[in-house]
Amino acid sequence: PDTATSRRIGALGELYVFTWLSELVENFGFENWCSSNRSVHPEAPPPAQDMDKWGCDFVFRDRGGVFCKDKQVLLEVKAMKVQGDPLKVRATDFSCKLSKNELEVMREACESESEYYVML
């Protein structure tokens, strides 16, 4: 898909995940959505200019253990391309693009005792 279509798909994916996390994570709200794509939600406050610097789309403290109890969860939503037959797909058959910032944030979280990086 072209760039505009890819952006729309990404924004819709984030909107879906925001709605899902709002149901799963206590006190989850717009302040946890650190992507400029949050502007797709009609009730969202305007995003800050440097909002996309986080290297992830959502940040929250996982007090309830949805992903990793008592850790700061950094969650990135990605559209992934499947190679080959979708009925025979394995985890290694997916590919996606990461920015340098996303990769650096992922590496830092991997070495951290207090952070947990999730890619959906």
C-alpha atoms as a PDB file:
ATOM      1  CA  PRO A   1       0.000   0.000   0.000  1.00  0.00           C
ATOM      2  CA  ASP A   2       1.035   3.607  -0.511  1.00  0.00           C
ATOM      3  CA  THR A   3       2.224   5.800   2.369  1.00  0.00           C
ATOM      4  CA  ALA A   4      -1.171   7.418   3.054  1.00  0.00           C
ATOM      5  CA  THR A   5      -2.890   4.026   3.148  1.00  0.00           C
ATOM      6  CA  SER A   6      -0.173   2.645   5.448  1.00  0.00           C
ATOM      7  CA  ARG A   7      -0.663   5.589   7.818  1.00  0.00           C
ATOM      8  CA  ARG A   8      -4.426   5.039   7.919  1.00  0.00           C
ATOM      9  CA  ILE A   9      -3.948   1.338   8.626  1.00  0.00           C
ATOM     10  CA  GLY A  10      -1.491   2.192  11.423  1.00  0.00           C
ATOM     11  CA  ALA A  11      -3.853   4.756  12.941  1.00  0.00           C
ATOM     12  CA  LEU A  12      -6.783   2.322  12.874  1.00  0.00           C
ATOM     13  CA  GLY A  13      -4.624  -0.376  14.446  1.00  0.00           C
ATOM     14  CA  GLU A  14      -3.650   1.975  17.256  1.00  0.00           C
ATOM     15  CA  LEU A  15      -7.279   3.029  17.768  1.00  0.00           C
ATOM     16  CA  TYR A  16      -8.268  -0.625  18.111  1.00  0.00           C
ATOM     17  CA  VAL A  17      -5.448  -1.296  20.607  1.00  0.00           C
ATOM     18  CA  PHE A  18      -6.323   1.866  22.577  1.00  0.00           C
ATOM     19  CA  THR A  19      -9.926   0.680  22.919  1.00  0.00           C
ATOM     20  CA  TRP A  20      -8.758  -2.809  23.933  1.00  0.00           C
ATOM     21  CA  LEU A  21      -6.245  -1.522  26.521  1.00  0.00           C
ATOM     22  CA  SER A  22      -8.835   0.894  27.927  1.00  0.00           C
ATOM     23  CA  GLU A  23     -10.898  -2.161  28.863  1.00  0.00           C
ATOM     24  CA  LEU A  24      -7.976  -4.252  30.174  1.00  0.00           C
ATOM     25  CA  VAL A  25      -5.735  -1.786  32.023  1.00  0.00           C
ATOM     26  CA  GLU A  26      -7.011   0.157  35.022  1.00  0.00           C
ATOM     27  CA  ASN A  27      -6.848   3.971  34.594  1.00  0.00           C
ATOM     28  CA  PHE A  28      -5.683   3.659  30.972  1.00  0.00           C
ATOM     29  CA  GLY A  29      -6.385   6.814  28.963  1.00  0.00           C
ATOM     30  CA  PHE A  30      -5.175   9.278  26.368  1.00  0.00           C
ATOM     31  CA  GLU A  31      -2.125  10.167  28.479  1.00  0.00           C
ATOM     32  CA  ASN A  32      -0.887   6.615  27.806  1.00  0.00           C
ATOM     33  CA  TRP A  33      -1.206   6.981  24.022  1.00  0.00           C
ATOM     34  CA  CYS A  34       2.102   8.565  23.003  1.00  0.00           C
ATOM     35  CA  SER A  35       1.665   8.576  19.230  1.00  0.00           C
ATOM     36  CA  SER A  36       0.451  11.395  17.005  1.00  0.00           C
ATOM     37  CA  ASN A  37      -2.062   8.862  15.625  1.00  0.00           C
ATOM     38  CA  ARG A  38      -4.204   9.436  18.706  1.00  0.00           C
ATOM     39  CA  SER A  39      -5.674  12.383  16.775  1.00  0.00           C
ATOM     40  CA  VAL A  40      -7.923   9.808  15.012  1.00  0.00           C
ATOM     41  CA  HIS A  41      -9.967   9.549  18.214  1.00  0.00           C
ATOM     42  CA  PRO A  42     -12.600  12.327  18.280  1.00  0.00           C
ATOM     43  CA  GLU A  43     -12.236  12.864  22.053  1.00  0.00           C
ATOM     44  CA  ALA A  44      -8.418  12.852  22.190  1.00  0.00           C
ATOM     45  CA  PRO A  45      -6.576  16.014  23.167  1.00  0.00           C
ATOM     46  CA  PRO A  46      -4.262  17.363  20.450  1.00  0.00           C
ATOM     47  CA  PRO A  47      -0.929  15.531  20.357  1.00  0.00           C
ATOM     48  CA  ALA A  48       2.253  17.350  21.327  1.00  0.00           C
ATOM     49  CA  GLN A  49       4.656  18.112  18.480  1.00  0.00           C
ATOM     50  CA  ASP A  50       7.354  15.775  19.809  1.00  0.00           C
ATOM     51  CA  MET A  51       4.927  13.026  20.785  1.00  0.00           C
ATOM     52  CA  ASP A  52       6.391  10.380  18.459  1.00  0.00           C
ATOM     53  CA  LYS A  53       9.815  10.562  20.156  1.00  0.00           C
ATOM     54  CA  TRP A  54       8.924   7.747  22.590  1.00  0.00           C
ATOM     55  CA  GLY A  55       9.718   4.934  20.160  1.00  0.00           C
ATOM     56  CA  CYS A  56       6.429   3.215  20.982  1.00  0.00           C
ATOM     57  CA  ASP A  57       2.708   3.944  20.720  1.00  0.00           C
ATOM     58  CA  PHE A  58       1.561   3.335  24.310  1.00  0.00           C
ATOM     59  CA  VAL A  59       3.265   3.582  27.716  1.00  0.00           C
ATOM     60  CA  PHE A  60       1.730   2.452  31.012  1.00  0.00           C
ATOM     61  CA  ARG A  61       2.566   0.902  34.393  1.00  0.00           C
ATOM     62  CA  ASP A  62       1.216  -2.651  34.390  1.00  0.00           C
ATOM     63  CA  ARG A  63      -0.082  -2.860  37.952  1.00  0.00           C
ATOM     64  CA  GLY A  64      -2.560  -5.638  37.155  1.00  0.00           C
ATOM     65  CA  GLY A  65      -0.189  -7.932  35.259  1.00  0.00           C
ATOM     66  CA  VAL A  66      -1.824  -7.793  31.823  1.00  0.00           C
ATOM     67  CA  PHE A  67       1.617  -8.161  30.177  1.00  0.00           C
ATOM     68  CA  CYS A  68       4.253  -8.033  32.916  1.00  0.00           C
ATOM     69  CA  LYS A  69       3.196  -7.104  36.455  1.00  0.00           C
ATOM     70  CA  ASP A  70       4.636  -3.938  37.992  1.00  0.00           C
ATOM     71  CA  LYS A  71       6.722  -3.007  34.957  1.00  0.00           C
ATOM     72  CA  GLN A  72       6.543   0.009  32.680  1.00  0.00           C
ATOM     73  CA  VAL A  73       5.120  -1.418  29.452  1.00  0.00           C
ATOM     74  CA  LEU A  74       6.172   0.146  26.144  1.00  0.00           C
ATOM     75  CA  LEU A  75       3.794  -1.108  23.472  1.00  0.00           C
ATOM     76  CA  GLU A  76       4.290  -0.703  19.723  1.00  0.00           C
ATOM     77  CA  VAL A  77       1.576  -1.507  17.163  1.00  0.00           C
ATOM     78  CA  LYS A  78       2.914  -2.721  13.816  1.00  0.00           C
ATOM     79  CA  ALA A  79       1.382  -3.878  10.570  1.00  0.00           C
ATOM     80  CA  MET A  80       3.278  -6.975   9.563  1.00  0.00           C
ATOM     81  CA  LYS A  81       3.750  -8.570   6.190  1.00  0.00           C
ATOM     82  CA  VAL A  82       3.357 -12.334   5.920  1.00  0.00           C
ATOM     83  CA  GLN A  83       5.562 -14.208   3.483  1.00  0.00           C
ATOM     84  CA  GLY A  84       4.074 -17.287   1.840  1.00  0.00           C
ATOM     85  CA  ASP A  85       0.871 -19.163   2.583  1.00  0.00           C
ATOM     86  CA  PRO A  86      -1.045 -17.490   5.473  1.00  0.00           C
ATOM     87  CA  LEU A  87      -2.439 -20.876   6.534  1.00  0.00           C
ATOM     88  CA  LYS A  88       1.074 -22.235   7.152  1.00  0.00           C
ATOM     89  CA  VAL A  89       2.580 -19.137   8.752  1.00  0.00           C
ATOM     90  CA  ARG A  90       5.099 -19.288  11.628  1.00  0.00           C
ATOM     91  CA  ALA A  91       6.352 -16.465  13.829  1.00  0.00           C
ATOM     92  CA  THR A  92       9.534 -16.253  11.751  1.00  0.00           C
ATOM     93  CA  ASP A  93       7.537 -15.575   8.561  1.00  0.00           C
ATOM     94  CA  PHE A  94       6.525 -12.049   9.590  1.00  0.00           C
ATOM     95  CA  SER A  95       8.440  -8.903   8.736  1.00  0.00           C
ATOM     96  CA  CYS A  96       8.003  -5.234   9.628  1.00  0.00           C
ATOM     97  CA  LYS A  97      10.036  -2.038   9.522  1.00  0.00           C
ATOM     98  CA  LEU A  98      11.419  -0.429  12.665  1.00  0.00           C
ATOM     99  CA  SER A  99      12.798   3.070  12.975  1.00  0.00           C
ATOM    100  CA  LYS A 100      16.190   3.605  14.623  1.00  0.00           C
ATOM    101  CA  ASN A 101      14.365   5.158  17.584  1.00  0.00           C
ATOM    102  CA  GLU A 102      12.017   2.161  17.953  1.00  0.00           C
ATOM    103  CA  LEU A 103      14.954  -0.240  17.791  1.00  0.00           C
ATOM    104  CA  GLU A 104      16.898   1.744  20.406  1.00  0.00           C
ATOM    105  CA  VAL A 105      13.915   1.882  22.774  1.00  0.00           C
ATOM    106  CA  MET A 106      13.433  -1.871  22.306  1.00  0.00           C
ATOM    107  CA  ARG A 107      17.104  -2.543  23.111  1.00  0.00           C
ATOM    108  CA  GLU A 108      16.998  -0.346  26.209  1.00  0.00           C
ATOM    109  CA  ALA A 109      13.840  -2.055  27.483  1.00  0.00           C
ATOM    110  CA  CYS A 110      15.451  -5.452  26.906  1.00  0.00           C
ATOM    111  CA  GLU A 111      18.299  -4.507  29.261  1.00  0.00           C
ATOM    112  CA  SER A 112      16.035  -2.805  31.812  1.00  0.00           C
ATOM    113  CA  GLU A 113      14.762  -4.320  35.049  1.00  0.00           C
ATOM    114  CA  SER A 114      11.757  -1.975  35.099  1.00  0.00           C
ATOM    115  CA  GLU A 115      10.580  -1.871  31.462  1.00  0.00           C
ATOM    116  CA  TYR A 116       8.911  -4.402  29.165  1.00  0.00           C
ATOM    117  CA  TYR A 117       8.596  -3.866  25.395  1.00  0.00           C
ATOM    118  CA  VAL A 118       5.631  -5.391  23.560  1.00  0.00           C
ATOM    119  CA  MET A 119       5.067  -5.389  19.816  1.00  0.00           C
ATOM    120  CA  LEU A 120       1.574  -6.200  18.544  1.00  0.00           C
END
